Amino acid sequence: MIGKKILFPIVSSIIILSASVPVLADVYKDDVINTYSTENSDKSSIRTTTYEVIGNNVRFRETPSLSGNVIGYLNKGDLVNAGSYEGWEVEADGYTWVHCFSYKYELNGWVSKDYLIEY
């Protein structure tokens, strides 16, 4: 009976704490939770696909375009996570761009799918 009395306040505290903390954390591997915005929406989602970068000096961009600002360079073996619903892949400039989260830079950005393989 004592164990139950001690456990209940701890569980209640965890529930209250997690309810009051905004979900901005990233969970590594396949269940990455991120918030990102586009011109038309503000979405939170679970990232369901992990990709491995298969080239060196792959440009990680702010927007899905060859003219998008480069925010970093990814190298062979780097991992990124992406979602799997409409809007996560965009066709532009002759490429399929994937909106993803980079662990290396801890940022959201766009990478050409030509340089990614499912992990």
Protein backbone atom coordinates (compact mmCIF):
# COMPACT_ATOMS: atom_id res chain seq x y z
CA MET A 1 0.00 0.00 0.00
CA ILE A 2 2.84 2.42 0.71
CA GLY A 3 4.23 1.86 -2.80
CA LYS A 4 0.94 2.90 -4.35
CA LYS A 5 0.78 6.09 -2.28
CA ILE A 6 4.29 7.07 -3.35
CA LEU A 7 3.83 6.11 -7.01
CA PHE A 8 0.59 8.06 -7.54
CA PRO A 9 2.07 11.54 -6.87
CA ILE A 10 5.06 10.76 -9.09
CA VAL A 11 2.85 9.65 -12.00
CA SER A 12 0.58 12.68 -11.49
CA SER A 13 3.60 14.98 -11.58
CA ILE A 14 4.87 13.45 -14.79
CA ILE A 15 1.49 13.80 -16.45
CA ILE A 16 1.10 17.41 -15.31
CA LEU A 17 4.66 18.26 -16.34
CA SER A 18 4.36 16.72 -19.79
CA ALA A 19 1.03 18.45 -20.37
CA SER A 20 2.56 21.84 -19.60
CA VAL A 21 5.75 21.46 -21.67
CA PRO A 22 5.45 22.21 -25.41
CA VAL A 23 6.40 19.36 -27.72
CA LEU A 24 9.59 20.64 -29.33
CA ALA A 25 11.93 17.77 -28.50
CA ASP A 26 13.31 15.37 -31.05
CA VAL A 27 13.38 11.63 -30.47
CA TYR A 28 16.13 9.87 -32.38
CA LYS A 29 15.58 7.23 -35.09
CA ASP A 30 12.06 6.62 -36.40
CA ASP A 31 9.77 8.65 -34.12
CA VAL A 32 11.01 12.20 -34.47
CA ILE A 33 8.49 14.84 -33.50
CA ASN A 34 9.04 18.25 -35.07
CA THR A 35 7.13 21.39 -35.77
CA TYR A 36 7.64 23.15 -39.06
CA SER A 37 5.80 25.80 -40.98
CA THR A 38 5.11 26.42 -44.61
CA GLU A 39 3.44 29.39 -46.26
CA ASN A 40 0.01 27.83 -45.80
CA SER A 41 0.20 25.80 -42.62
CA ASP A 42 1.76 25.13 -39.28
CA LYS A 43 2.03 21.37 -38.64
CA SER A 44 3.32 18.98 -36.02
CA SER A 45 4.00 15.45 -37.11
CA ILE A 46 5.76 12.24 -36.37
CA ARG A 47 8.60 11.68 -38.78
CA THR A 48 8.28 8.12 -39.99
CA THR A 49 11.18 7.57 -42.38
CA THR A 50 14.89 7.68 -41.65
CA TYR A 51 17.23 8.27 -44.59
CA GLU A 52 20.98 7.91 -44.87
CA VAL A 53 22.91 10.40 -47.00
CA ILE A 54 24.83 8.60 -49.77
CA GLY A 55 27.03 11.44 -51.05
CA ASN A 56 29.46 14.01 -49.69
CA ASN A 57 28.88 17.76 -49.52
CA VAL A 58 25.16 17.30 -50.20
CA ARG A 59 23.49 20.69 -49.86
CA PHE A 60 20.92 21.00 -47.05
CA ARG A 61 18.61 23.86 -48.06
CA GLU A 62 16.02 26.17 -46.51
CA THR A 63 13.63 25.70 -49.43
CA PRO A 64 13.08 22.93 -52.01
CA SER A 65 14.91 24.59 -54.88
CA LEU A 66 18.39 24.84 -56.40
CA SER A 67 18.20 28.53 -55.54
CA GLY A 68 17.27 27.85 -51.88
CA ASN A 69 19.75 29.10 -49.29
CA VAL A 70 22.23 26.40 -48.25
CA ILE A 71 22.07 25.97 -44.46
CA GLY A 72 24.65 23.19 -44.29
CA TYR A 73 26.34 20.29 -46.03
CA LEU A 74 25.57 16.64 -45.34
CA ASN A 75 28.02 13.80 -45.86
CA LYS A 76 27.87 10.08 -46.53
CA GLY A 77 26.45 8.30 -43.49
CA ASP A 78 24.64 11.32 -42.00
CA LEU A 79 21.05 10.53 -40.98
CA VAL A 80 17.92 12.61 -41.54
CA ASN A 81 14.28 11.94 -40.68
CA ALA A 82 11.31 12.76 -42.89
CA GLY A 83 7.54 12.42 -42.76
CA SER A 84 5.36 10.41 -45.07
CA TYR A 85 2.31 12.51 -45.85
CA GLU A 86 1.50 14.98 -48.60
CA GLY A 87 3.82 17.97 -48.64
CA TRP A 88 6.96 16.22 -47.37
CA GLU A 89 8.17 15.66 -50.92
CA VAL A 90 8.15 18.42 -53.52
CA GLU A 91 9.07 18.36 -57.22
CA ALA A 92 11.12 21.40 -58.24
CA ASP A 93 14.01 22.19 -60.59
CA GLY A 94 14.02 18.61 -61.90
CA TYR A 95 14.49 17.05 -58.44
CA THR A 96 12.33 15.46 -55.78
CA TRP A 97 13.05 17.33 -52.55
CA VAL A 98 12.45 15.79 -49.12
CA HIS A 99 11.63 17.98 -46.12
CA CYS A 100 13.64 16.49 -43.26
CA PHE A 101 15.28 17.00 -39.90
CA SER A 102 19.08 16.85 -39.80
CA TYR A 103 20.66 15.52 -36.62
CA LYS A 104 23.97 17.09 -37.66
CA TYR A 105 22.54 20.61 -37.70
CA GLU A 106 19.45 20.06 -35.53
CA LEU A 107 17.44 21.91 -38.17
CA ASN A 108 14.65 21.25 -40.62
CA GLY A 109 15.51 21.67 -44.27
CA TRP A 110 15.31 20.17 -47.75
CA VAL A 111 17.52 17.59 -49.47
CA SER A 112 17.31 16.14 -52.97
CA LYS A 113 16.04 12.57 -52.74
CA ASP A 114 18.77 11.58 -55.25
CA TYR A 115 21.24 11.65 -52.33
CA LEU A 116 19.15 9.66 -49.83
CA ILE A 117 18.42 5.98 -49.23
CA GLU A 118 16.00 4.58 -46.67
CA TYR A 119 17.85 3.53 -43.55
